[in-house]
Amino acid sequence: MKTKITACIVVALMLLSGISQAQQRDRAKRMQKTMIQLTDAQKEELKAARIEFAKATIDVKNELNELKAHQKTLMSAEKLDEKKVFENIDNMTALKKQLMEERINMGLATSGLLDEDQKMHRHMRGDRSKMRAQHLKNGKGQMHKGERRAFAEKGKQRVVNALDLSEEQQEQMKAIKLECKKSTQNLREEMQELRLKQKHLLNDEEPNKNEIFSNLDRISSIQNQLAKERVLSQKEIRNILDEDQLVLFLSKPHKMKKSRRARMHRAS
């Protein structure tokens, strides 16, 4: 009997292994179909462009990382200096925009390397990307409403437990977050539209550089506004906490890393 059971387990494992390998091969084939096949010369030119991009942006990236670290220091201060925080946000926004401009310039410069068939392949891939974006915009493929609510409730409960909030404080925090969400709703919706528009502009047969950078300006502006609104919201939350709760809040013990799935649906 033991021998038969062992044999069944071995067979089952072999079947599962075979299915897994078949799935991996299918994924590899699908990825191969979506990838643009480049010649050796094109690969060399693309590599050179990436190296040039890395050289042009390494200092900017380092400076941005320093500003991000400084932002954490500013936000964890017992007394929030709104002026310094906003100034740091402005500086980070400018650097992020600079990085995106460099990335766009590299993309536009290397797009000329493609022949007509490769460009057609890229446009087809862009069309599939548009369809996926529209699919999500229409509410398909998103986390179920009940699942989103349950996930949000778990996050709120972690904060409540970590800070030991009273019922009154919980209601105040809920009102603050709701007001922030309402006040930024239009900005977040516009941001989604602008990002989709940017993909369309970059995938055009003849990209309009002026229009692309104009769209980027608006994206950067909204990112800046949203970052400042989040700071103001956090400032209000800090005001409802007592001294001990504030210490815990500033140390962020309750802040959990969001899963990829949660990040995808946080704007829902």
Protein backbone atom coordinates (compact mmCIF):
# COMPACT_ATOMS: atom_id res chain seq x y z
CA MET A 1 0.00 0.00 0.00
CA LYS A 2 2.82 2.41 0.95
CA THR A 3 4.55 1.65 -2.34
CA LYS A 4 1.39 2.45 -4.30
CA ILE A 5 0.89 5.74 -2.43
CA THR A 6 4.51 6.70 -3.01
CA ALA A 7 4.18 5.87 -6.72
CA CYS A 8 1.00 7.99 -6.98
CA ILE A 9 2.74 10.93 -5.30
CA VAL A 10 5.72 10.64 -7.67
CA VAL A 11 3.42 10.52 -10.71
CA ALA A 12 1.44 13.53 -9.46
CA LEU A 13 4.63 15.52 -8.91
CA MET A 14 5.85 14.63 -12.39
CA LEU A 15 2.56 15.75 -13.90
CA LEU A 16 2.65 19.04 -11.98
CA SER A 17 6.26 19.58 -13.05
CA GLY A 18 5.34 18.90 -16.68
CA ILE A 19 2.42 21.34 -16.52
CA SER A 20 4.63 24.01 -14.92
CA GLN A 21 7.30 23.62 -17.59
CA ALA A 22 4.69 23.77 -20.36
CA GLN A 23 3.27 26.97 -18.87
CA GLN A 24 6.76 28.50 -18.70
CA ARG A 25 7.38 27.61 -22.36
CA ASP A 26 4.03 29.19 -23.34
CA ARG A 27 4.90 32.36 -21.44
CA ALA A 28 8.32 32.49 -23.10
CA LYS A 29 6.71 32.11 -26.53
CA ARG A 30 4.20 34.88 -25.80
CA MET A 31 6.97 37.18 -24.60
CA GLN A 32 9.00 36.38 -27.70
CA LYS A 33 6.05 37.37 -29.91
CA THR A 34 5.61 40.70 -28.14
CA MET A 35 9.32 41.58 -28.27
CA ILE A 36 10.71 43.53 -31.19
CA GLN A 37 13.44 41.51 -32.90
CA LEU A 38 16.51 43.75 -33.26
CA THR A 39 19.54 43.29 -35.47
CA ASP A 40 23.01 43.18 -33.89
CA ALA A 41 23.70 46.71 -35.15
CA GLN A 42 20.46 47.99 -33.60
CA LYS A 43 21.29 46.29 -30.31
CA GLU A 44 24.68 48.02 -30.25
CA GLU A 45 23.16 51.44 -30.96
CA LEU A 46 20.48 50.88 -28.33
CA LYS A 47 23.12 49.84 -25.80
CA ALA A 48 25.11 53.00 -26.55
CA ALA A 49 21.97 55.12 -26.06
CA ARG A 50 21.28 53.49 -22.70
CA ILE A 51 24.84 54.08 -21.55
CA GLU A 52 24.54 57.71 -22.61
CA PHE A 53 21.26 57.98 -20.69
CA ALA A 54 22.84 56.45 -17.59
CA LYS A 55 25.75 58.93 -17.74
CA ALA A 56 23.39 61.87 -18.20
CA THR A 57 21.12 60.91 -15.30
CA ILE A 58 23.33 59.32 -12.64
CA ASP A 59 23.91 62.61 -10.78
CA VAL A 60 20.22 63.51 -11.02
CA LYS A 61 19.20 60.12 -9.60
CA ASN A 62 21.67 60.45 -6.73
CA GLU A 63 20.39 63.93 -5.92
CA LEU A 64 16.80 62.70 -6.06
CA ASN A 65 17.58 59.86 -3.65
CA GLU A 66 19.12 62.37 -1.25
CA LEU A 67 16.01 64.54 -1.44
CA LYS A 68 13.77 61.52 -0.78
CA ALA A 69 15.80 60.70 2.33
CA HIS A 70 15.60 64.33 3.40
CA GLN A 71 11.84 64.27 2.90
CA LYS A 72 11.53 61.36 5.32
CA THR A 73 13.56 63.33 7.86
CA LEU A 74 11.37 66.42 7.42
CA MET A 75 8.15 64.41 7.69
CA SER A 76 9.31 62.61 10.86
CA ALA A 77 10.15 65.86 12.67
CA GLU A 78 8.05 66.50 15.77
CA LYS A 79 7.13 69.92 14.42
CA LEU A 80 6.32 69.80 10.71
CA ASP A 81 7.95 72.64 8.77
CA GLU A 82 5.46 72.95 5.91
CA LYS A 83 7.56 75.49 4.00
CA LYS A 84 10.65 73.25 3.95
CA VAL A 85 8.60 70.17 3.09
CA PHE A 86 6.92 71.91 0.15
CA GLU A 87 10.25 73.30 -1.05
CA ASN A 88 11.71 69.80 -0.98
CA ILE A 89 8.70 68.48 -2.91
CA ASP A 90 9.26 71.16 -5.55
CA ASN A 91 12.90 70.12 -5.88
CA MET A 92 11.98 66.43 -6.17
CA THR A 93 9.32 67.22 -8.77
CA ALA A 94 11.84 69.13 -10.88
CA LEU A 95 14.33 66.24 -10.79
CA LYS A 96 11.68 63.63 -11.58
CA LYS A 97 10.60 65.72 -14.54
CA GLN A 98 14.21 66.04 -15.70
CA LEU A 99 14.64 62.27 -15.56
CA MET A 100 11.46 61.72 -17.54
CA GLU A 101 12.56 64.26 -20.17
CA GLU A 102 15.88 62.43 -20.57
CA ARG A 103 14.04 59.11 -20.85
CA ILE A 104 11.70 60.52 -23.49
CA ASN A 105 14.60 62.00 -25.45
CA MET A 106 16.34 58.63 -25.43
CA GLY A 107 13.15 56.91 -26.57
CA LEU A 108 12.60 59.36 -29.42
CA ALA A 109 16.23 59.16 -30.48
CA THR A 110 16.24 55.36 -30.61
CA SER A 111 12.84 55.10 -32.31
CA GLY A 112 14.58 56.04 -35.56
CA LEU A 113 16.58 52.82 -35.36
CA LEU A 114 13.52 50.72 -36.19
CA ASP A 115 12.54 49.70 -39.69
CA GLU A 116 8.93 49.77 -40.92
CA ASP A 117 8.09 46.23 -39.79
CA GLN A 118 9.53 46.86 -36.34
CA LYS A 119 7.62 50.12 -36.03
CA MET A 120 4.43 48.31 -37.00
CA HIS A 121 5.14 45.73 -34.30
CA ARG A 122 5.68 48.50 -31.76
CA HIS A 123 2.40 50.19 -32.70
CA MET A 124 0.55 46.89 -32.39
CA ARG A 125 2.06 46.44 -28.95
CA GLY A 126 1.01 49.99 -28.11
CA ASP A 127 -2.54 49.22 -29.24
CA ARG A 128 -2.62 46.20 -26.94
CA SER A 129 -1.43 48.42 -24.12
CA LYS A 130 -4.24 50.88 -24.86
CA MET A 131 -6.77 48.07 -24.80
CA ARG A 132 -5.49 46.86 -21.42
CA ALA A 133 -5.66 50.41 -20.05
CA GLN A 134 -9.22 50.82 -21.32
CA HIS A 135 -10.04 47.40 -19.89
CA LEU A 136 -8.97 48.56 -16.44
CA LYS A 137 -10.63 51.95 -16.86
CA ASN A 138 -13.94 50.22 -17.55
CA GLY A 139 -13.60 48.34 -14.29
CA LYS A 140 -12.76 44.96 -15.79
CA GLY A 141 -9.97 42.91 -14.31
CA GLN A 142 -9.94 45.00 -11.16
CA MET A 143 -10.01 43.75 -7.63
CA HIS A 144 -13.56 42.94 -6.58
CA LYS A 145 -15.25 45.80 -4.72
CA GLY A 146 -15.69 43.64 -1.62
CA GLU A 147 -12.02 42.64 -1.73
CA ARG A 148 -10.92 46.28 -2.01
CA ARG A 149 -13.08 47.21 0.95
CA ALA A 150 -11.73 44.32 3.02
CA PHE A 151 -8.14 45.21 2.11
CA ALA A 152 -8.71 48.87 3.07
CA GLU A 153 -10.33 47.87 6.36
CA LYS A 154 -7.35 45.71 7.27
CA GLY A 155 -5.02 48.65 6.61
CA LYS A 156 -7.14 50.96 8.77
CA GLN A 157 -7.24 48.40 11.56
CA ARG A 158 -3.44 48.13 11.56
CA VAL A 159 -3.22 51.89 12.10
CA VAL A 160 -5.88 51.81 14.84
CA ASN A 161 -4.12 48.96 16.64
CA ALA A 162 -0.65 50.49 16.35
CA LEU A 163 -1.70 53.93 17.60
CA ASP A 164 -4.44 52.78 19.99
CA LEU A 165 -6.86 55.35 18.58
CA SER A 166 -10.06 56.24 20.39
CA GLU A 167 -13.37 55.98 18.55
CA GLU A 168 -13.45 59.77 18.25
CA GLN A 169 -9.96 59.83 16.75
CA GLN A 170 -10.90 57.07 14.33
CA GLU A 171 -13.87 59.13 13.10
CA GLN A 172 -11.69 62.23 12.79
CA MET A 173 -9.04 60.35 10.81
CA LYS A 174 -11.70 58.86 8.56
CA ALA A 175 -13.14 62.33 7.87
CA ILE A 176 -9.68 63.76 7.06
CA LYS A 177 -8.87 60.98 4.60
CA LEU A 178 -12.29 61.22 2.96
CA GLU A 179 -11.94 64.97 2.53
CA CYS A 180 -8.47 64.52 0.99
CA LYS A 181 -9.83 61.91 -1.40
CA LYS A 182 -12.70 64.16 -2.44
CA SER A 183 -10.51 67.23 -2.90
CA THR A 184 -8.04 65.36 -5.10
CA GLN A 185 -10.51 63.25 -7.09
CA ASN A 186 -10.43 65.50 -10.16
CA LEU A 187 -6.64 65.70 -10.10
CA ARG A 188 -6.27 61.92 -9.88
CA GLU A 189 -8.71 61.37 -12.72
CA GLU A 190 -6.91 63.95 -14.86
CA MET A 191 -3.61 62.23 -14.06
CA GLN A 192 -4.91 58.91 -15.38
CA GLU A 193 -6.07 60.59 -18.61
CA LEU A 194 -2.75 62.40 -19.06
CA ARG A 195 -0.72 59.22 -18.58
CA LEU A 196 -2.84 57.41 -21.14
CA LYS A 197 -2.49 60.37 -23.51
CA GLN A 198 1.29 60.31 -23.03
CA LYS A 199 1.43 56.66 -24.12
CA HIS A 200 -0.58 57.54 -27.22
CA LEU A 201 1.69 60.49 -28.06
CA LEU A 202 4.84 58.41 -27.66
CA ASN A 203 3.42 55.64 -29.87
CA ASP A 204 2.45 57.96 -32.71
CA GLU A 205 4.19 57.34 -36.02
CA GLU A 206 5.58 60.87 -35.90
CA PRO A 207 5.72 61.89 -32.21
CA ASN A 208 5.13 65.58 -31.54
CA LYS A 209 7.91 66.45 -29.10
CA ASN A 210 6.37 69.78 -28.07
CA GLU A 211 3.05 68.15 -27.28
CA ILE A 212 4.75 65.33 -25.38
CA PHE A 213 6.70 67.73 -23.17
CA SER A 214 3.66 69.95 -22.69
CA ASN A 215 1.73 66.93 -21.46
CA LEU A 216 4.65 66.02 -19.20
CA ASP A 217 4.58 69.52 -17.69
CA ARG A 218 0.97 69.01 -16.64
CA ILE A 219 1.69 65.53 -15.25
CA SER A 220 4.54 66.94 -13.14
CA SER A 221 2.36 69.78 -11.92
CA ILE A 222 -0.37 67.38 -10.76
CA GLN A 223 2.16 65.08 -9.09
CA ASN A 224 3.44 68.10 -7.20
CA GLN A 225 -0.06 69.13 -6.11
CA LEU A 226 -0.99 65.62 -4.98
CA ALA A 227 2.22 65.28 -2.95
CA LYS A 228 1.48 68.55 -1.14
CA GLU A 229 -2.14 67.55 -0.51
CA ARG A 230 -0.93 64.34 1.12
CA VAL A 231 1.34 66.38 3.38
CA LEU A 232 -1.54 68.65 4.42
CA SER A 233 -3.70 65.61 5.13
CA GLN A 234 -0.98 64.07 7.27
CA LYS A 235 -0.56 67.37 9.09
CA GLU A 236 -4.24 67.27 10.05
CA ILE A 237 -3.92 63.69 11.25
CA ARG A 238 -0.94 64.63 13.40
CA ASN A 239 -3.05 67.30 15.09
CA ILE A 240 -5.57 64.77 16.42
CA LEU A 241 -2.92 62.55 18.04
CA ASP A 242 -1.63 62.85 21.60
CA GLU A 243 2.08 63.03 22.38
CA ASP A 244 2.68 59.28 22.62
CA GLN A 245 0.60 58.49 19.54
CA LEU A 246 2.50 61.10 17.58
CA VAL A 247 5.82 59.44 18.43
CA LEU A 248 4.47 56.11 17.16
CA PHE A 249 2.99 57.75 14.08
CA LEU A 250 6.27 59.45 13.18
CA SER A 251 8.18 56.19 13.57
CA LYS A 252 5.69 54.58 11.12
CA PRO A 253 5.44 51.14 12.76
CA HIS A 254 2.02 50.66 11.18
CA LYS A 255 3.11 51.49 7.64
CA MET A 256 3.07 48.26 5.66
CA LYS A 257 4.48 47.86 2.18
CA LYS A 258 1.66 47.76 -0.33
CA SER A 259 1.41 44.73 -2.52
CA ARG A 260 1.68 45.09 -6.27
CA ARG A 261 -2.02 44.33 -6.52
CA ALA A 262 -2.86 47.07 -4.02
CA ARG A 263 -0.74 49.64 -5.87
CA MET A 264 -2.52 48.83 -9.11
CA HIS A 265 -5.90 49.54 -7.57
CA ARG A 266 -5.15 52.34 -5.12
CA ALA A 267 -6.70 54.87 -7.53
CA SER A 268 -9.91 52.83 -7.79
